[in-house]
Amino acid sequence: MATSKVTYLGDLRTSSVHIQSGNTIITDAPTDNHGKGEAFSPTDSVANALATCMFTVMGIKARDLEVDFSGSTAEVTKIMAADPRRIIEIQITFQMNVAADDKTKAILEKTAMTCPVLFSLHPDIKKEVVFNWK
């Protein structure tokens, strides 16, 4: 079964529908690449996917540990290179909204670094991940 259906809307914009849920994501080309920058660009989505994946696998582990880090945030910075145009670095700074002991912090941080998106990204892409705990 397909994961999504992507439709080119014209003017460098796409609409993606998640088949199972029906949720929709719009992308737009960034202003530095002929677009309007009115939505996530495809490369923004890749960088954002890394943070959401890390949160997801940490959330699974946190359930087992009976830790609730709801309200935590991650600031994502994507750095591009030219020739060829590509992502060369993704920086993520997590603000973890929970006071956890050192063992729990280590478990959750290690878990984050095992997310499938991280393993799917090209090894030449630099990944800088920082965890700030409450």
Protein backbone atom coordinates (compact mmCIF):
# COMPACT_ATOMS: atom_id res chain seq x y z
CA MET A 1 0.00 0.00 0.00
CA ALA A 2 1.25 3.47 -0.86
CA THR A 3 2.31 5.83 1.92
CA SER A 4 1.25 9.08 0.28
CA LYS A 5 0.01 10.71 -2.88
CA VAL A 6 1.81 13.86 -4.02
CA THR A 7 0.22 16.36 -6.40
CA TYR A 8 2.15 19.15 -8.11
CA LEU A 9 0.00 22.26 -7.69
CA GLY A 10 2.07 24.49 -9.94
CA ASP A 11 4.19 27.49 -9.02
CA LEU A 12 6.75 25.23 -7.24
CA ARG A 13 4.18 23.96 -4.71
CA THR A 14 3.05 20.41 -3.87
CA SER A 15 0.31 18.83 -1.80
CA SER A 16 0.97 15.48 -0.14
CA VAL A 17 -1.85 13.37 1.27
CA HIS A 18 -1.03 10.67 3.82
CA ILE A 19 -3.07 7.71 2.56
CA GLN A 20 -3.84 6.10 5.93
CA SER A 21 -4.95 9.26 7.76
CA GLY A 22 -5.90 11.68 4.99
CA ASN A 23 -3.72 14.42 6.54
CA THR A 24 -2.19 16.88 4.09
CA ILE A 25 1.18 18.62 3.92
CA ILE A 26 1.93 21.52 1.56
CA THR A 27 5.47 22.27 0.38
CA ASP A 28 6.76 25.36 -1.34
CA ALA A 29 10.16 26.13 -2.81
CA PRO A 30 12.27 28.36 -0.56
CA THR A 31 12.86 32.00 -1.43
CA ASP A 32 16.54 31.29 -2.15
CA ASN A 33 15.51 28.74 -4.80
CA HIS A 34 12.85 30.55 -6.88
CA GLY A 35 9.97 29.96 -4.45
CA LYS A 36 7.74 32.00 -2.21
CA GLY A 37 8.80 30.27 1.02
CA GLU A 38 5.18 30.10 2.17
CA ALA A 39 5.44 26.53 3.52
CA PHE A 40 8.03 23.94 4.43
CA SER A 41 10.36 23.25 1.52
CA PRO A 42 11.17 19.61 0.72
CA THR A 43 14.57 19.97 2.40
CA ASP A 44 12.96 21.69 5.41
CA SER A 45 10.76 18.60 5.68
CA VAL A 46 13.82 16.33 5.71
CA ALA A 47 15.47 18.30 8.52
CA ASN A 48 12.20 18.52 10.43
CA ALA A 49 11.68 14.77 10.00
CA LEU A 50 14.90 14.13 11.89
CA ALA A 51 13.66 16.03 14.95
CA THR A 52 10.18 14.48 14.84
CA CYS A 53 11.68 11.00 14.48
CA MET A 54 13.98 11.58 17.45
CA PHE A 55 11.04 12.77 19.55
CA THR A 56 8.99 9.76 18.48
CA VAL A 57 11.56 7.11 19.44
CA MET A 58 12.29 8.98 22.70
CA GLY A 59 8.54 9.02 23.38
CA ILE A 60 8.34 5.26 22.92
CA LYS A 61 11.22 4.72 25.35
CA ALA A 62 9.85 7.34 27.76
CA ARG A 63 6.59 5.39 28.04
CA ASP A 64 8.57 2.36 29.21
CA LEU A 65 10.41 4.57 31.70
CA GLU A 66 7.16 6.28 32.81
CA VAL A 67 8.61 9.68 31.91
CA ASP A 68 6.43 12.42 30.39
CA PHE A 69 8.31 15.04 28.40
CA SER A 70 5.22 16.62 26.85
CA GLY A 71 5.79 20.26 25.98
CA SER A 72 9.42 19.68 25.05
CA THR A 73 10.56 21.45 21.90
CA ALA A 74 13.23 21.14 19.25
CA GLU A 75 14.65 23.99 17.21
CA VAL A 76 15.82 22.77 13.82
CA THR A 77 18.32 24.56 11.58
CA LYS A 78 19.03 23.28 8.09
CA ILE A 79 22.17 24.42 6.28
CA MET A 80 22.35 24.11 2.50
CA ALA A 81 25.26 23.96 0.08
CA ALA A 82 25.38 24.64 -3.62
CA ASP A 83 26.77 22.69 -6.57
CA PRO A 84 25.03 20.38 -6.10
CA ARG A 85 22.31 21.98 -4.00
CA ARG A 86 21.93 19.77 -0.95
CA ILE A 87 21.62 19.67 2.83
CA ILE A 88 25.09 19.70 4.38
CA GLU A 89 24.16 20.12 8.03
CA ILE A 90 21.20 19.74 10.35
CA GLN A 91 21.35 21.30 13.80
CA ILE A 92 18.78 20.35 16.43
CA THR A 93 18.53 21.81 19.90
CA PHE A 94 16.10 20.00 22.18
CA GLN A 95 14.59 21.80 25.17
CA MET A 96 13.43 18.88 27.29
CA ASN A 97 10.54 19.85 29.55
CA VAL A 98 11.24 17.31 32.29
CA ALA A 99 13.61 17.06 35.22
CA ALA A 100 15.15 13.63 34.74
CA ASP A 101 17.99 11.82 36.47
CA ASP A 102 21.28 11.30 34.63
CA LYS A 103 20.49 7.67 33.77
CA THR A 104 17.14 8.58 32.20
CA LYS A 105 18.70 11.46 30.28
CA ALA A 106 21.40 9.15 28.89
CA ILE A 107 18.85 6.51 27.88
CA LEU A 108 16.62 9.01 26.08
CA GLU A 109 19.51 10.79 24.35
CA LYS A 110 20.96 7.47 23.16
CA THR A 111 17.52 6.40 21.98
CA ALA A 112 17.15 9.62 19.97
CA MET A 113 20.40 8.83 18.17
CA THR A 114 18.93 5.53 16.94
CA CYS A 115 15.98 6.95 15.04
CA PRO A 116 15.38 5.59 11.52
CA VAL A 117 15.61 9.02 9.87
CA LEU A 118 19.08 9.58 11.33
CA PHE A 119 20.22 6.23 9.92
CA SER A 120 18.61 7.07 6.55
CA LEU A 121 20.46 10.36 6.05
CA HIS A 122 23.67 10.38 4.06
CA PRO A 123 26.73 10.16 6.32
CA ASP A 124 28.20 13.29 4.70
CA ILE A 125 25.38 15.36 6.25
CA LYS A 126 26.68 16.76 9.54
CA LYS A 127 24.22 16.26 12.40
CA GLU A 128 24.64 18.44 15.48
CA VAL A 129 22.24 17.50 18.29
CA VAL A 130 22.08 19.25 21.66
CA PHE A 131 19.85 18.32 24.61
CA ASN A 132 18.99 20.94 27.22
CA TRP A 133 17.21 19.45 30.22
CA LYS A 134 14.95 21.24 32.69
